[in-house]
PDB file of N, CA and C in Angstrom:
ATOM      1  N   UNK A   1      77.053  25.933 -55.306  1.00  0.00           N
ATOM      2  CA  UNK A   1      78.029  25.594 -54.362  1.00  0.00           C
ATOM      3  C   UNK A   1      77.592  26.364 -53.090  1.00  0.00           C
ATOM      4  N   UNK A   2      77.185  25.622 -52.058  1.00  0.00           N
ATOM      5  CA  UNK A   2      76.700  26.267 -50.810  1.00  0.00           C
ATOM      6  C   UNK A   2      77.802  26.307 -49.806  1.00  0.00           C
ATOM      7  N   UNK A   3      77.986  27.478 -49.161  1.00  0.00           N
ATOM      8  CA  UNK A   3      79.063  27.671 -48.180  1.00  0.00           C
ATOM      9  C   UNK A   3      78.840  26.749 -47.042  1.00  0.00           C
ATOM     10  N   UNK A   4      79.856  25.963 -46.636  1.00  0.00           N
ATOM     11  CA  UNK A   4      79.684  24.960 -45.521  1.00  0.00           C
ATOM     12  C   UNK A   4      80.927  24.948 -44.579  1.00  0.00           C
ATOM     13  N   UNK A   5      81.822  25.896 -44.702  1.00  0.00           N
ATOM     14  CA  UNK A   5      83.047  25.994 -43.902  1.00  0.00           C
ATOM     15  C   UNK A   5      82.932  27.269 -43.011  1.00  0.00           C
ATOM     16  N   UNK A   6      82.905  27.059 -41.711  1.00  0.00           N
ATOM     17  CA  UNK A   6      82.756  28.111 -40.739  1.00  0.00           C
ATOM     18  C   UNK A   6      84.042  28.887 -40.484  1.00  0.00           C
ATOM     19  N   UNK A   7      84.030  30.008 -39.793  1.00  0.00           N
ATOM     20  CA  UNK A   7      85.145  30.814 -39.566  1.00  0.00           C
ATOM     21  C   UNK A   7      86.339  30.092 -38.747  1.00  0.00           C
ATOM     22  N   UNK A   8      85.986  29.386 -37.670  1.00  0.00           N
ATOM     23  CA  UNK A   8      87.020  28.605 -36.939  1.00  0.00           C
ATOM     24  C   UNK A   8      87.626  27.564 -37.779  1.00  0.00           C
ATOM     25  N   UNK A   9      86.729  26.879 -38.513  1.00  0.00           N
ATOM     26  CA  UNK A   9      87.194  25.756 -39.419  1.00  0.00           C
ATOM     27  C   UNK A   9      88.150  26.357 -40.531  1.00  0.00           C
ATOM     28  N   UNK A  10      87.749  27.527 -40.952  1.00  0.00           N
ATOM     29  CA  UNK A  10      88.578  28.206 -42.007  1.00  0.00           C
ATOM     30  C   UNK A  10      90.030  28.480 -41.438  1.00  0.00           C
ATOM     31  N   UNK A  11      90.030  29.059 -40.328  1.00  0.00           N
ATOM     32  CA  UNK A  11      91.377  29.397 -39.706  1.00  0.00           C
ATOM     33  C   UNK A  11      92.284  28.151 -39.528  1.00  0.00           C
ATOM     34  N   UNK A  12      91.654  27.048 -39.084  1.00  0.00           N
ATOM     35  CA  UNK A  12      92.279  25.791 -38.852  1.00  0.00           C
ATOM     36  C   UNK A  12      92.852  25.236 -40.200  1.00  0.00           C
ATOM     37  N   UNK A  13      91.989  25.350 -41.237  1.00  0.00           N
ATOM     38  CA  UNK A  13      92.396  24.797 -42.596  1.00  0.00           C
ATOM     39  C   UNK A  13      93.556  25.635 -43.137  1.00  0.00           C
ATOM     40  N   UNK A  14      93.441  27.038 -43.030  1.00  0.00           N
ATOM     41  CA  UNK A  14      94.528  27.812 -43.472  1.00  0.00           C
ATOM     42  C   UNK A  14      95.885  27.416 -42.837  1.00  0.00           C
ATOM     43  N   UNK A  15      95.854  27.381 -41.477  1.00  0.00           N
ATOM     44  CA  UNK A  15      97.103  27.107 -40.752  1.00  0.00           C
ATOM     45  C   UNK A  15      97.559  25.703 -41.088  1.00  0.00           C
ATOM     46  N   UNK A  16      96.713  24.723 -41.141  1.00  0.00           N
ATOM     47  CA  UNK A  16      97.134  23.373 -41.513  1.00  0.00           C
ATOM     48  C   UNK A  16      97.742  23.273 -42.910  1.00  0.00           C
ATOM     49  N   UNK A  17      97.058  23.987 -43.912  1.00  0.00           N
ATOM     50  CA  UNK A  17      97.515  23.883 -45.303  1.00  0.00           C
ATOM     51  C   UNK A  17      98.918  24.549 -45.314  1.00  0.00           C
ATOM     52  N   UNK A  18      99.110  25.680 -44.698  1.00  0.00           N
ATOM     53  CA  UNK A  18     100.484  26.399 -44.691  1.00  0.00           C
ATOM     54  C   UNK A  18     101.525  25.533 -44.069  1.00  0.00           C
ATOM     55  N   UNK A  19     101.176  24.887 -42.960  1.00  0.00           N
ATOM     56  CA  UNK A  19     102.144  24.023 -42.225  1.00  0.00           C
ATOM     57  C   UNK A  19     102.555  22.818 -43.164  1.00  0.00           C
ATOM     58  N   UNK A  20     101.476  22.173 -43.797  1.00  0.00           N
ATOM     59  CA  UNK A  20     101.804  21.003 -44.584  1.00  0.00           C
ATOM     60  C   UNK A  20     102.658  21.511 -45.812  1.00  0.00           C
ATOM     61  N   UNK A  21     102.369  22.585 -46.431  1.00  0.00           N
ATOM     62  CA  UNK A  21     103.156  23.129 -47.489  1.00  0.00           C
ATOM     63  C   UNK A  21     104.600  23.446 -47.031  1.00  0.00           C
ATOM     64  N   UNK A  22     104.731  24.035 -45.861  1.00  0.00           N
ATOM     65  CA  UNK A  22     106.111  24.386 -45.344  1.00  0.00           C
ATOM     66  C   UNK A  22     106.881  23.106 -45.175  1.00  0.00           C
ATOM     67  N   UNK A  23     106.243  22.142 -44.567  1.00  0.00           N
ATOM     68  CA  UNK A  23     107.008  20.853 -44.273  1.00  0.00           C
ATOM     69  C   UNK A  23     107.446  20.228 -45.704  1.00  0.00           C
ATOM     70  N   UNK A  24     106.573  20.320 -46.726  1.00  0.00           N
ATOM     71  CA  UNK A  24     106.931  19.901 -47.945  1.00  0.00           C
ATOM     72  C   UNK A  24     108.217  20.547 -48.515  1.00  0.00           C
ATOM     73  N   UNK A  25     108.260  21.916 -48.250  1.00  0.00           N
ATOM     74  CA  UNK A  25     109.409  22.615 -48.774  1.00  0.00           C
ATOM     75  C   UNK A  25     110.669  22.216 -47.974  1.00  0.00           C
ATOM     76  N   UNK A  26     110.533  22.139 -46.588  1.00  0.00           N
ATOM     77  CA  UNK A  26     111.659  21.842 -45.755  1.00  0.00           C
ATOM     78  C   UNK A  26     112.217  20.532 -46.052  1.00  0.00           C
ATOM     79  N   UNK A  27     111.375  19.452 -46.325  1.00  0.00           N
ATOM     80  CA  UNK A  27     111.819  18.173 -46.592  1.00  0.00           C
ATOM     81  C   UNK A  27     112.001  17.847 -48.118  1.00  0.00           C
ATOM     82  N   UNK A  28     111.780  18.949 -48.863  1.00  0.00           N
ATOM     83  CA  UNK A  28     111.941  18.762 -50.315  1.00  0.00           C
ATOM     84  C   UNK A  28     111.078  17.621 -50.937  1.00  0.00           C
ATOM     85  N   UNK A  29     109.818  17.656 -50.502  1.00  0.00           N
ATOM     86  CA  UNK A  29     108.891  16.543 -50.912  1.00  0.00           C
ATOM     87  C   UNK A  29     107.707  17.164 -51.613  1.00  0.00           C
ATOM     88  N   UNK A  30     107.292  16.473 -52.738  1.00  0.00           N
ATOM     89  CA  UNK A  30     106.079  17.013 -53.448  1.00  0.00           C
ATOM     90  C   UNK A  30     104.853  16.726 -52.559  1.00  0.00           C
ATOM     91  N   UNK A  31     104.943  16.036 -51.491  1.00  0.00           N
ATOM     92  CA  UNK A  31     103.762  15.797 -50.608  1.00  0.00           C
ATOM     93  C   UNK A  31     103.299  17.065 -50.047  1.00  0.00           C
ATOM     94  N   UNK A  32     104.064  18.063 -50.057  1.00  0.00           N
ATOM     95  CA  UNK A  32     103.690  19.403 -49.552  1.00  0.00           C
ATOM     96  C   UNK A  32     102.533  19.999 -50.360  1.00  0.00           C
ATOM     97  N   UNK A  33     102.417  19.488 -51.642  1.00  0.00           N
ATOM     98  CA  UNK A  33     101.276  20.042 -52.433  1.00  0.00           C
ATOM     99  C   UNK A  33      99.930  19.648 -51.831  1.00  0.00           C
ATOM    100  N   UNK A  34      99.913  18.653 -50.988  1.00  0.00           N
ATOM    101  CA  UNK A  34      98.606  18.251 -50.357  1.00  0.00           C
ATOM    102  C   UNK A  34      98.068  19.401 -49.535  1.00  0.00           C
ATOM    103  N   UNK A  35      99.003  20.246 -49.032  1.00  0.00           N
ATOM    104  CA  UNK A  35      98.569  21.381 -48.248  1.00  0.00           C
ATOM    105  C   UNK A  35      97.703  22.336 -48.981  1.00  0.00           C
ATOM    106  N   UNK A  36      97.741  22.253 -50.348  1.00  0.00           N
ATOM    107  CA  UNK A  36      96.766  23.080 -51.140  1.00  0.00           C
ATOM    108  C   UNK A  36      95.291  22.761 -50.940  1.00  0.00           C
ATOM    109  N   UNK A  37      95.006  21.597 -50.611  1.00  0.00           N
ATOM    110  CA  UNK A  37      93.661  21.130 -50.447  1.00  0.00           C
ATOM    111  C   UNK A  37      92.935  21.865 -49.270  1.00  0.00           C
ATOM    112  N   UNK A  38      93.488  21.787 -48.064  1.00  0.00           N
ATOM    113  CA  UNK A  38      92.789  22.525 -46.978  1.00  0.00           C
ATOM    114  C   UNK A  38      92.838  24.087 -47.241  1.00  0.00           C
ATOM    115  N   UNK A  39      93.921  24.525 -47.839  1.00  0.00           N
ATOM    116  CA  UNK A  39      94.054  26.009 -48.089  1.00  0.00           C
ATOM    117  C   UNK A  39      92.968  26.422 -49.135  1.00  0.00           C
ATOM    118  N   UNK A  40      92.678  25.652 -50.120  1.00  0.00           N
ATOM    119  CA  UNK A  40      91.742  25.970 -51.231  1.00  0.00           C
ATOM    120  C   UNK A  40      90.408  25.917 -50.597  1.00  0.00           C
ATOM    121  N   UNK A  41      90.045  24.864 -49.828  1.00  0.00           N
ATOM    122  CA  UNK A  41      88.727  24.775 -49.258  1.00  0.00           C
ATOM    123  C   UNK A  41      88.376  25.933 -48.272  1.00  0.00           C
ATOM    124  N   UNK A  42      89.488  26.329 -47.598  1.00  0.00           N
ATOM    125  CA  UNK A  42      89.237  27.506 -46.710  1.00  0.00           C
ATOM    126  C   UNK A  42      89.014  28.780 -47.465  1.00  0.00           C
ATOM    127  N   UNK A  43      89.738  28.990 -48.574  1.00  0.00           N
ATOM    128  CA  UNK A  43      89.575  30.272 -49.350  1.00  0.00           C
ATOM    129  C   UNK A  43      88.271  30.298 -50.136  1.00  0.00           C
ATOM    130  N   UNK A  44      87.680  29.167 -50.517  1.00  0.00           N
ATOM    131  CA  UNK A  44      86.426  29.145 -51.217  1.00  0.00           C
ATOM    132  C   UNK A  44      85.253  28.923 -50.290  1.00  0.00           C
ATOM    133  N   UNK A  45      85.570  28.642 -49.097  1.00  0.00           N
ATOM    134  CA  UNK A  45      84.490  28.326 -48.077  1.00  0.00           C
ATOM    135  C   UNK A  45      83.612  27.177 -48.343  1.00  0.00           C
ATOM    136  N   UNK A  46      84.143  26.156 -49.028  1.00  0.00           N
ATOM    137  CA  UNK A  46      83.350  25.018 -49.423  1.00  0.00           C
ATOM    138  C   UNK A  46      84.152  23.768 -49.360  1.00  0.00           C
ATOM    139  N   UNK A  47      83.638  22.748 -48.776  1.00  0.00           N
ATOM    140  CA  UNK A  47      84.353  21.477 -48.639  1.00  0.00           C
ATOM    141  C   UNK A  47      83.445  20.395 -49.215  1.00  0.00           C
ATOM    142  N   UNK A  48      83.842  19.794 -50.324  1.00  0.00           N
ATOM    143  CA  UNK A  48      83.023  18.775 -50.928  1.00  0.00           C
ATOM    144  C   UNK A  48      82.767  17.586 -50.020  1.00  0.00           C
ATOM    145  N   UNK A  49      83.703  17.260 -49.215  1.00  0.00           N
ATOM    146  CA  UNK A  49      83.530  16.137 -48.339  1.00  0.00           C
ATOM    147  C   UNK A  49      82.407  16.389 -47.247  1.00  0.00           C
ATOM    148  N   UNK A  50      82.398  17.594 -46.778  1.00  0.00           N
ATOM    149  CA  UNK A  50      81.301  18.003 -45.901  1.00  0.00           C
ATOM    150  C   UNK A  50      79.915  17.864 -46.569  1.00  0.00           C
ATOM    151  N   UNK A  51      79.847  18.141 -47.851  1.00  0.00           N
ATOM    152  CA  UNK A  51      78.557  17.993 -48.612  1.00  0.00           C
ATOM    153  C   UNK A  51      78.192  16.506 -48.705  1.00  0.00           C
ATOM    154  N   UNK A  52      79.123  15.653 -48.967  1.00  0.00           N
ATOM    155  CA  UNK A  52      78.837  14.178 -48.990  1.00  0.00           C
ATOM    156  C   UNK A  52      78.337  13.562 -47.739  1.00  0.00           C
ATOM    157  N   UNK A  53      78.867  14.094 -46.560  1.00  0.00           N
ATOM    158  CA  UNK A  53      78.432  13.540 -45.239  1.00  0.00           C
ATOM    159  C   UNK A  53      77.351  14.422 -44.630  1.00  0.00           C
ATOM    160  N   UNK A  54      77.048  15.492 -45.229  1.00  0.00           N
ATOM    161  CA  UNK A  54      75.904  16.333 -44.830  1.00  0.00           C
ATOM    162  C   UNK A  54      76.149  17.182 -43.646  1.00  0.00           C
ATOM    163  N   UNK A  55      77.313  17.696 -43.467  1.00  0.00           N
ATOM    164  CA  UNK A  55      77.570  18.552 -42.285  1.00  0.00           C
ATOM    165  C   UNK A  55      77.982  19.936 -42.813  1.00  0.00           C
ATOM    166  N   UNK A  56      77.918  20.911 -41.844  1.00  0.00           N
ATOM    167  CA  UNK A  56      78.417  22.291 -42.072  1.00  0.00           C
ATOM    168  C   UNK A  56      78.913  22.833 -40.821  1.00  0.00           C
ATOM    169  N   UNK A  57      80.067  23.545 -40.851  1.00  0.00           N
ATOM    170  CA  UNK A  57      80.565  24.210 -39.629  1.00  0.00           C
ATOM    171  C   UNK A  57      80.240  25.698 -39.678  1.00  0.00           C
ATOM    172  N   UNK A  58      79.415  26.118 -40.677  1.00  0.00           N
ATOM    173  CA  UNK A  58      79.017  27.520 -40.744  1.00  0.00           C
ATOM    174  C   UNK A  58      77.821  27.738 -39.889  1.00  0.00           C
ATOM    175  N   UNK A  59      77.788  28.803 -39.154  1.00  0.00           N
ATOM    176  CA  UNK A  59      76.650  29.205 -38.359  1.00  0.00           C
ATOM    177  C   UNK A  59      75.516  29.567 -39.301  1.00  0.00           C
ATOM    178  N   UNK A  60      74.282  29.315 -38.895  1.00  0.00           N
ATOM    179  CA  UNK A  60      73.195  29.677 -39.728  1.00  0.00           C
ATOM    180  C   UNK A  60      73.021  31.177 -39.754  1.00  0.00           C
ATOM    181  N   UNK A  61      72.691  31.807 -40.821  1.00  0.00           N
ATOM    182  CA  UNK A  61      72.524  33.234 -40.919  1.00  0.00           C
ATOM    183  C   UNK A  61      71.195  33.631 -40.215  1.00  0.00           C
ATOM    184  N   UNK A  62      71.175  34.727 -39.491  1.00  0.00           N
ATOM    185  CA  UNK A  62      69.952  35.170 -38.850  1.00  0.00           C
ATOM    186  C   UNK A  62      68.930  35.462 -39.953  1.00  0.00           C
ATOM    187  N   UNK A  63      67.632  35.191 -39.699  1.00  0.00           N
ATOM    188  CA  UNK A  63      66.542  35.567 -40.675  1.00  0.00           C
ATOM    189  C   UNK A  63      66.518  37.041 -41.012  1.00  0.00           C
ATOM    190  N   UNK A  64      66.398  37.307 -42.345  1.00  0.00           N
ATOM    191  CA  UNK A  64      66.332  38.655 -42.760  1.00  0.00           C
ATOM    192  C   UNK A  64      64.895  39.181 -42.691  1.00  0.00           C
ATOM    193  N   UNK A  65      64.651  40.409 -42.308  1.00  0.00           N
ATOM    194  CA  UNK A  65      63.294  40.963 -42.312  1.00  0.00           C
ATOM    195  C   UNK A  65      62.833  41.150 -43.750  1.00  0.00           C
ATOM    196  N   UNK A  66      61.508  41.052 -44.011  1.00  0.00           N
ATOM    197  CA  UNK A  66      61.064  41.304 -45.427  1.00  0.00           C
ATOM    198  C   UNK A  66      61.375  42.666 -45.887  1.00  0.00           C
ATOM    199  N   UNK A  67      61.664  42.743 -47.201  1.00  0.00           N
ATOM    200  CA  UNK A  67      62.006  44.061 -47.749  1.00  0.00           C
ATOM    201  C   UNK A  67      60.669  44.947 -47.815  1.00  0.00           C
ATOM    202  N   UNK A  68      60.827  46.236 -47.924  1.00  0.00           N
ATOM    203  CA  UNK A  68      59.707  47.133 -47.899  1.00  0.00           C
ATOM    204  C   UNK A  68      58.895  46.831 -49.181  1.00  0.00           C
ATOM    205  N   UNK A  69      57.603  46.772 -48.895  1.00  0.00           N
ATOM    206  CA  UNK A  69      56.681  46.508 -49.981  1.00  0.00           C
ATOM    207  C   UNK A  69      56.293  44.967 -50.224  1.00  0.00           C
ATOM    208  N   UNK A  70      57.016  44.187 -49.468  1.00  0.00           N
ATOM    209  CA  UNK A  70      56.781  42.701 -49.562  1.00  0.00           C
ATOM    210  C   UNK A  70      56.088  42.248 -48.269  1.00  0.00           C
ATOM    211  N   UNK A  71      55.167  41.253 -48.345  1.00  0.00           N
ATOM    212  CA  UNK A  71      54.557  40.778 -47.136  1.00  0.00           C
ATOM    213  C   UNK A  71      54.991  39.367 -46.869  1.00  0.00           C
TER     214      UNK A  71
END
């Protein structure tokens, strides 16, 4: 499982998930459980839909220098 959710995307997903869950509680609807999806994808930093469509909101990691003793 490759990380494909960036930090800004993660914040949006957490807020959206909490808002959806709160609305489910306020309106006494089980639809609030749908808020678990964006919340879960934010917490594990992986979105299966992003994998299917081949995108990532995560910034590329800077290249690491070779370890000592390796060329």
